[in-house]
């Protein structure tokens, strides 16, 4: 699993039958310092994540299993399995990450 930011939506009017009901998003994986990794991935989304949101994604069989009781019949490699509300990190355990920086990068959602 990894955390990433939704950076776009992928529109495909022609798809294979086993993914016709799925929506696809472009996800930019981020590291704990919120620095983007170099690659962007396409992930199936059934939760309704929006552009700019942080999401939890899984890969491979785990991604297919999250979306279907018949994972071998689903042609995807990645799926959004959660929308992040908040991230809490113990800065004593994570060297080099300041609490204030984390709060700026991952603000708590309004209540």
N, C-alpha and C. Protein backbone atom coordinates (compact mmCIF):
# COMPACT_ATOMS: atom_id res chain seq x y z
N UNK A 1 0.84 -1.19 0.00
CA UNK A 1 0.00 0.00 0.00
C UNK A 1 0.88 1.24 0.00
N UNK A 2 0.29 2.32 -0.45
CA UNK A 2 0.99 3.59 -0.43
C UNK A 2 -0.03 4.72 -0.33
N UNK A 3 0.46 5.88 0.05
CA UNK A 3 -0.38 7.08 0.10
C UNK A 3 -0.02 7.93 -1.12
N UNK A 4 -1.03 8.51 -1.73
CA UNK A 4 -0.80 9.37 -2.88
C UNK A 4 -1.84 10.47 -2.96
N UNK A 5 -1.56 11.45 -3.79
CA UNK A 5 -2.49 12.55 -4.00
C UNK A 5 -3.14 12.39 -5.38
N UNK A 6 -4.45 12.57 -5.41
CA UNK A 6 -5.17 12.49 -6.68
C UNK A 6 -4.83 13.74 -7.48
N UNK A 7 -4.29 13.53 -8.69
CA UNK A 7 -3.89 14.67 -9.52
C UNK A 7 -4.70 14.77 -10.80
N UNK A 8 -5.56 13.80 -11.05
CA UNK A 8 -6.36 13.87 -12.26
C UNK A 8 -7.30 12.70 -12.40
N UNK A 9 -8.16 12.80 -13.40
CA UNK A 9 -9.11 11.75 -13.74
C UNK A 9 -8.77 11.24 -15.13
N UNK A 10 -8.88 9.94 -15.32
CA UNK A 10 -8.64 9.33 -16.62
C UNK A 10 -9.99 8.97 -17.22
N UNK A 11 -10.29 9.53 -18.38
CA UNK A 11 -11.54 9.23 -19.08
C UNK A 11 -11.24 8.27 -20.21
N UNK A 12 -11.97 7.16 -20.26
CA UNK A 12 -11.81 6.19 -21.35
C UNK A 12 -13.20 5.71 -21.74
N UNK A 13 -13.64 6.07 -22.93
CA UNK A 13 -14.98 5.67 -23.35
C UNK A 13 -15.02 4.22 -23.81
N UNK A 14 -13.88 3.69 -24.24
CA UNK A 14 -13.81 2.29 -24.63
C UNK A 14 -12.94 1.55 -23.63
N UNK A 15 -13.53 0.56 -22.95
CA UNK A 15 -12.80 -0.23 -21.96
C UNK A 15 -13.23 -1.69 -22.09
N UNK A 16 -12.40 -2.59 -21.60
CA UNK A 16 -12.78 -4.00 -21.57
C UNK A 16 -13.97 -4.15 -20.63
N UNK A 17 -14.77 -5.18 -20.86
CA UNK A 17 -16.02 -5.36 -20.12
C UNK A 17 -15.85 -5.37 -18.61
N UNK A 18 -14.79 -6.00 -18.10
CA UNK A 18 -14.69 -6.15 -16.65
C UNK A 18 -14.25 -4.88 -15.90
N UNK A 19 -14.03 -3.78 -16.61
CA UNK A 19 -13.73 -2.51 -15.93
C UNK A 19 -14.67 -1.39 -16.38
N UNK A 20 -15.70 -1.73 -17.15
CA UNK A 20 -16.60 -0.69 -17.68
C UNK A 20 -17.28 0.13 -16.59
N UNK A 21 -17.54 -0.45 -15.43
CA UNK A 21 -18.24 0.27 -14.37
C UNK A 21 -17.28 1.05 -13.46
N UNK A 22 -15.98 0.99 -13.73
CA UNK A 22 -14.99 1.62 -12.84
C UNK A 22 -14.57 3.00 -13.33
N UNK A 23 -14.28 3.85 -12.37
CA UNK A 23 -13.74 5.19 -12.60
C UNK A 23 -12.24 5.11 -12.33
N UNK A 24 -11.45 5.82 -13.12
CA UNK A 24 -10.00 5.77 -12.95
C UNK A 24 -9.44 7.14 -12.62
N UNK A 25 -8.48 7.15 -11.70
CA UNK A 25 -7.83 8.37 -11.26
C UNK A 25 -6.33 8.28 -11.49
N UNK A 26 -5.70 9.43 -11.67
CA UNK A 26 -4.24 9.51 -11.69
C UNK A 26 -3.80 9.85 -10.28
N UNK A 27 -2.93 9.02 -9.73
CA UNK A 27 -2.45 9.18 -8.35
C UNK A 27 -0.95 9.42 -8.37
N UNK A 28 -0.52 10.44 -7.65
CA UNK A 28 0.90 10.74 -7.52
C UNK A 28 1.34 10.28 -6.14
N UNK A 29 2.06 9.15 -6.05
CA UNK A 29 2.52 8.67 -4.74
C UNK A 29 3.41 9.72 -4.07
N UNK A 30 3.30 9.82 -2.74
CA UNK A 30 4.12 10.77 -1.99
C UNK A 30 4.86 10.01 -0.88
N UNK A 31 6.00 10.56 -0.48
CA UNK A 31 6.69 9.97 0.66
C UNK A 31 6.25 10.69 1.92
N UNK A 32 6.75 10.31 3.06
CA UNK A 32 6.27 10.85 4.33
C UNK A 32 6.56 12.35 4.47
N UNK A 33 7.56 12.85 3.75
CA UNK A 33 7.84 14.28 3.75
C UNK A 33 6.99 15.02 2.74
N UNK A 34 6.06 14.29 2.11
CA UNK A 34 5.13 14.80 1.11
C UNK A 34 5.83 15.16 -0.20
N UNK A 35 7.09 14.75 -0.34
CA UNK A 35 7.78 14.97 -1.60
C UNK A 35 7.25 13.94 -2.60
N UNK A 36 6.89 14.38 -3.80
CA UNK A 36 6.35 13.42 -4.76
C UNK A 36 7.42 12.45 -5.25
N UNK A 37 6.99 11.22 -5.48
CA UNK A 37 7.85 10.26 -6.16
C UNK A 37 7.83 10.61 -7.64
N UNK A 38 8.58 9.89 -8.44
CA UNK A 38 8.71 10.28 -9.84
C UNK A 38 7.58 9.80 -10.74
N UNK A 39 6.89 8.74 -10.37
CA UNK A 39 5.88 8.17 -11.25
C UNK A 39 4.46 8.51 -10.81
N UNK A 40 3.58 8.54 -11.79
CA UNK A 40 2.15 8.70 -11.53
C UNK A 40 1.49 7.38 -11.94
N UNK A 41 0.56 6.90 -11.14
CA UNK A 41 -0.10 5.64 -11.47
C UNK A 41 -1.59 5.89 -11.73
N UNK A 42 -2.20 4.97 -12.43
CA UNK A 42 -3.64 5.00 -12.66
C UNK A 42 -4.26 3.96 -11.74
N UNK A 43 -5.27 4.36 -10.98
CA UNK A 43 -5.92 3.45 -10.04
C UNK A 43 -7.43 3.50 -10.21
N UNK A 44 -8.06 2.36 -10.06
CA UNK A 44 -9.52 2.29 -10.07
C UNK A 44 -10.03 2.89 -8.77
N UNK A 45 -11.15 3.61 -8.86
CA UNK A 45 -11.71 4.26 -7.67
C UNK A 45 -13.21 4.00 -7.59
N UNK A 46 -13.64 3.39 -6.50
CA UNK A 46 -15.07 3.19 -6.25
C UNK A 46 -15.55 4.02 -5.08
N UNK A 47 -14.64 4.80 -4.46
CA UNK A 47 -15.00 5.58 -3.27
C UNK A 47 -15.38 7.02 -3.58
N UNK A 48 -15.06 7.50 -4.78
CA UNK A 48 -15.40 8.88 -5.14
C UNK A 48 -14.38 9.91 -4.70
N UNK A 49 -13.11 9.55 -4.69
CA UNK A 49 -12.05 10.49 -4.32
C UNK A 49 -11.99 11.62 -5.35
N UNK A 50 -11.61 12.80 -4.88
CA UNK A 50 -11.54 13.96 -5.76
C UNK A 50 -10.12 14.46 -5.94
N UNK A 51 -9.94 15.29 -6.94
CA UNK A 51 -8.63 15.87 -7.21
C UNK A 51 -8.16 16.66 -5.99
N UNK A 52 -6.91 16.43 -5.62
CA UNK A 52 -6.31 17.09 -4.47
C UNK A 52 -6.36 16.27 -3.19
N UNK A 53 -7.21 15.25 -3.14
CA UNK A 53 -7.32 14.46 -1.91
C UNK A 53 -6.18 13.46 -1.79
N UNK A 54 -5.83 13.16 -0.53
CA UNK A 54 -4.88 12.09 -0.26
C UNK A 54 -5.65 10.79 -0.18
N UNK A 55 -5.10 9.75 -0.77
CA UNK A 55 -5.77 8.45 -0.78
C UNK A 55 -4.79 7.35 -0.42
N UNK A 56 -5.34 6.22 0.03
CA UNK A 56 -4.55 5.02 0.25
C UNK A 56 -4.84 4.10 -0.92
N UNK A 57 -3.79 3.60 -1.53
CA UNK A 57 -3.94 2.71 -2.67
C UNK A 57 -3.27 1.37 -2.38
N UNK A 58 -3.78 0.35 -3.02
CA UNK A 58 -3.11 -0.94 -2.95
C UNK A 58 -2.86 -1.43 -4.37
N UNK A 59 -1.94 -2.39 -4.48
CA UNK A 59 -1.51 -2.93 -5.76
C UNK A 59 -1.92 -4.39 -5.93
N UNK A 60 -1.93 -4.83 -7.17
CA UNK A 60 -2.03 -6.24 -7.50
C UNK A 60 -3.28 -6.93 -7.01
N UNK A 61 -3.09 -8.16 -6.52
CA UNK A 61 -4.22 -8.98 -6.08
C UNK A 61 -5.00 -8.28 -4.97
N UNK A 62 -4.32 -7.61 -4.06
CA UNK A 62 -5.00 -6.91 -2.97
C UNK A 62 -5.92 -5.82 -3.52
N UNK A 63 -5.50 -5.13 -4.56
CA UNK A 63 -6.34 -4.10 -5.18
C UNK A 63 -7.57 -4.72 -5.82
N UNK A 64 -7.37 -5.82 -6.55
CA UNK A 64 -8.50 -6.49 -7.20
C UNK A 64 -9.46 -7.07 -6.17
N UNK A 65 -8.92 -7.61 -5.09
CA UNK A 65 -9.75 -8.20 -4.03
C UNK A 65 -10.57 -7.13 -3.32
N UNK A 66 -10.04 -5.93 -3.21
CA UNK A 66 -10.76 -4.84 -2.56
C UNK A 66 -12.00 -4.43 -3.35
N UNK A 67 -11.98 -4.67 -4.66
CA UNK A 67 -13.08 -4.23 -5.51
C UNK A 67 -14.01 -5.35 -5.96
N UNK A 68 -13.61 -6.59 -5.77
CA UNK A 68 -14.42 -7.68 -6.32
C UNK A 68 -14.24 -8.96 -5.52
N UNK A 69 -15.31 -9.73 -5.43
CA UNK A 69 -15.22 -11.05 -4.81
C UNK A 69 -14.58 -12.05 -5.78
N UNK A 70 -14.42 -11.64 -7.02
CA UNK A 70 -13.79 -12.47 -8.06
C UNK A 70 -12.59 -11.71 -8.63
N UNK A 71 -11.51 -11.57 -7.83
CA UNK A 71 -10.39 -10.73 -8.25
C UNK A 71 -9.71 -11.18 -9.53
N UNK A 72 -9.76 -12.44 -9.86
CA UNK A 72 -9.10 -12.92 -11.08
C UNK A 72 -9.83 -12.48 -12.34
N UNK A 73 -11.03 -11.95 -12.18
CA UNK A 73 -11.82 -11.50 -13.33
C UNK A 73 -11.76 -9.98 -13.53
N UNK A 74 -10.89 -9.30 -12.79
CA UNK A 74 -10.82 -7.84 -12.84
C UNK A 74 -9.46 -7.42 -13.40
N UNK A 75 -9.47 -6.60 -14.44
CA UNK A 75 -8.24 -6.19 -15.12
C UNK A 75 -7.72 -4.86 -14.60
N UNK A 76 -7.30 -4.83 -13.35
CA UNK A 76 -6.68 -3.63 -12.79
C UNK A 76 -5.42 -4.02 -12.06
N UNK A 77 -4.55 -3.05 -11.83
CA UNK A 77 -3.33 -3.28 -11.08
C UNK A 77 -3.29 -2.47 -9.79
N UNK A 78 -4.08 -1.39 -9.71
CA UNK A 78 -4.08 -0.55 -8.51
C UNK A 78 -5.50 -0.06 -8.24
N UNK A 79 -5.81 0.14 -6.95
CA UNK A 79 -7.14 0.62 -6.56
C UNK A 79 -7.04 1.55 -5.36
N UNK A 80 -7.92 2.55 -5.34
CA UNK A 80 -8.06 3.41 -4.17
C UNK A 80 -8.87 2.61 -3.16
N UNK A 81 -8.29 2.42 -1.96
CA UNK A 81 -8.99 1.65 -0.94
C UNK A 81 -9.35 2.49 0.28
N UNK A 82 -8.96 3.78 0.27
CA UNK A 82 -9.32 4.67 1.36
C UNK A 82 -9.02 6.11 1.01
N UNK A 83 -9.80 7.02 1.60
CA UNK A 83 -9.55 8.45 1.47
C UNK A 83 -9.06 8.93 2.83
N UNK A 84 -7.89 9.55 2.85
CA UNK A 84 -7.24 9.94 4.09
C UNK A 84 -7.92 11.16 4.70
N UNK A 85 -8.31 11.05 5.96
CA UNK A 85 -8.86 12.18 6.69
C UNK A 85 -7.76 12.96 7.40
N UNK A 86 -6.82 12.23 7.95
CA UNK A 86 -5.77 12.87 8.74
C UNK A 86 -4.60 11.90 8.84
N UNK A 87 -3.39 12.45 8.96
CA UNK A 87 -2.20 11.64 9.19
C UNK A 87 -1.56 12.10 10.49
N UNK A 88 -1.28 11.16 11.38
CA UNK A 88 -0.61 11.48 12.64
C UNK A 88 0.70 10.72 12.67
N UNK A 89 1.79 11.45 12.88
CA UNK A 89 3.12 10.85 12.90
C UNK A 89 3.80 11.24 14.20
N UNK A 90 4.42 10.28 14.86
CA UNK A 90 5.20 10.56 16.06
C UNK A 90 6.57 11.05 15.61
N UNK A 91 6.80 12.36 15.75
CA UNK A 91 8.04 12.93 15.22
C UNK A 91 9.28 12.40 15.92
N UNK A 92 9.15 11.85 17.13
CA UNK A 92 10.30 11.26 17.82
C UNK A 92 10.77 10.01 17.07
N UNK A 93 9.85 9.36 16.39
CA UNK A 93 10.19 8.14 15.67
C UNK A 93 10.58 8.41 14.22
N UNK A 94 10.32 9.60 13.76
CA UNK A 94 10.60 9.93 12.37
C UNK A 94 11.54 11.12 12.33
N UNK A 95 12.80 10.85 12.15
CA UNK A 95 13.82 11.91 12.17
C UNK A 95 13.66 12.85 10.98
N UNK A 96 13.81 14.12 11.22
CA UNK A 96 13.82 15.10 10.15
C UNK A 96 12.46 15.62 9.73
N UNK A 97 11.39 15.20 10.38
CA UNK A 97 10.06 15.70 10.00
C UNK A 97 9.52 16.56 11.13
N UNK A 98 9.27 17.82 10.83
CA UNK A 98 8.77 18.75 11.82
C UNK A 98 7.25 18.68 11.87
N UNK A 99 6.69 18.74 13.07
CA UNK A 99 5.24 18.67 13.24
C UNK A 99 4.54 19.78 12.47
N UNK A 100 5.09 20.99 12.50
CA UNK A 100 4.45 22.12 11.82
C UNK A 100 4.40 21.90 10.31
N UNK A 101 5.48 21.36 9.75
CA UNK A 101 5.52 21.07 8.32
C UNK A 101 4.45 20.04 7.97
N UNK A 102 4.33 19.02 8.80
CA UNK A 102 3.32 17.99 8.55
C UNK A 102 1.91 18.57 8.60
N UNK A 103 1.65 19.44 9.55
CA UNK A 103 0.31 20.05 9.66
C UNK A 103 0.00 20.92 8.44
N UNK A 104 0.99 21.61 7.91
CA UNK A 104 0.79 22.44 6.71
C UNK A 104 0.51 21.57 5.49
N UNK A 105 1.25 20.47 5.36
CA UNK A 105 1.14 19.61 4.19
C UNK A 105 -0.12 18.74 4.22
N UNK A 106 -0.54 18.31 5.42
CA UNK A 106 -1.70 17.43 5.57
C UNK A 106 -2.66 18.02 6.58
N UNK A 107 -3.32 19.14 6.26
CA UNK A 107 -4.22 19.76 7.24
C UNK A 107 -5.40 18.86 7.57
N UNK A 108 -5.86 18.97 8.81
CA UNK A 108 -7.04 18.21 9.22
C UNK A 108 -8.26 18.75 8.48
N UNK A 109 -9.18 17.87 8.10
CA UNK A 109 -10.38 18.34 7.39
C UNK A 109 -11.28 19.15 8.33
N UNK A 110 -12.05 20.09 7.79
CA UNK A 110 -12.96 20.87 8.64
C UNK A 110 -14.02 19.96 9.26
N UNK A 111 -14.41 20.30 10.47
CA UNK A 111 -15.40 19.48 11.18
C UNK A 111 -16.74 20.15 11.21
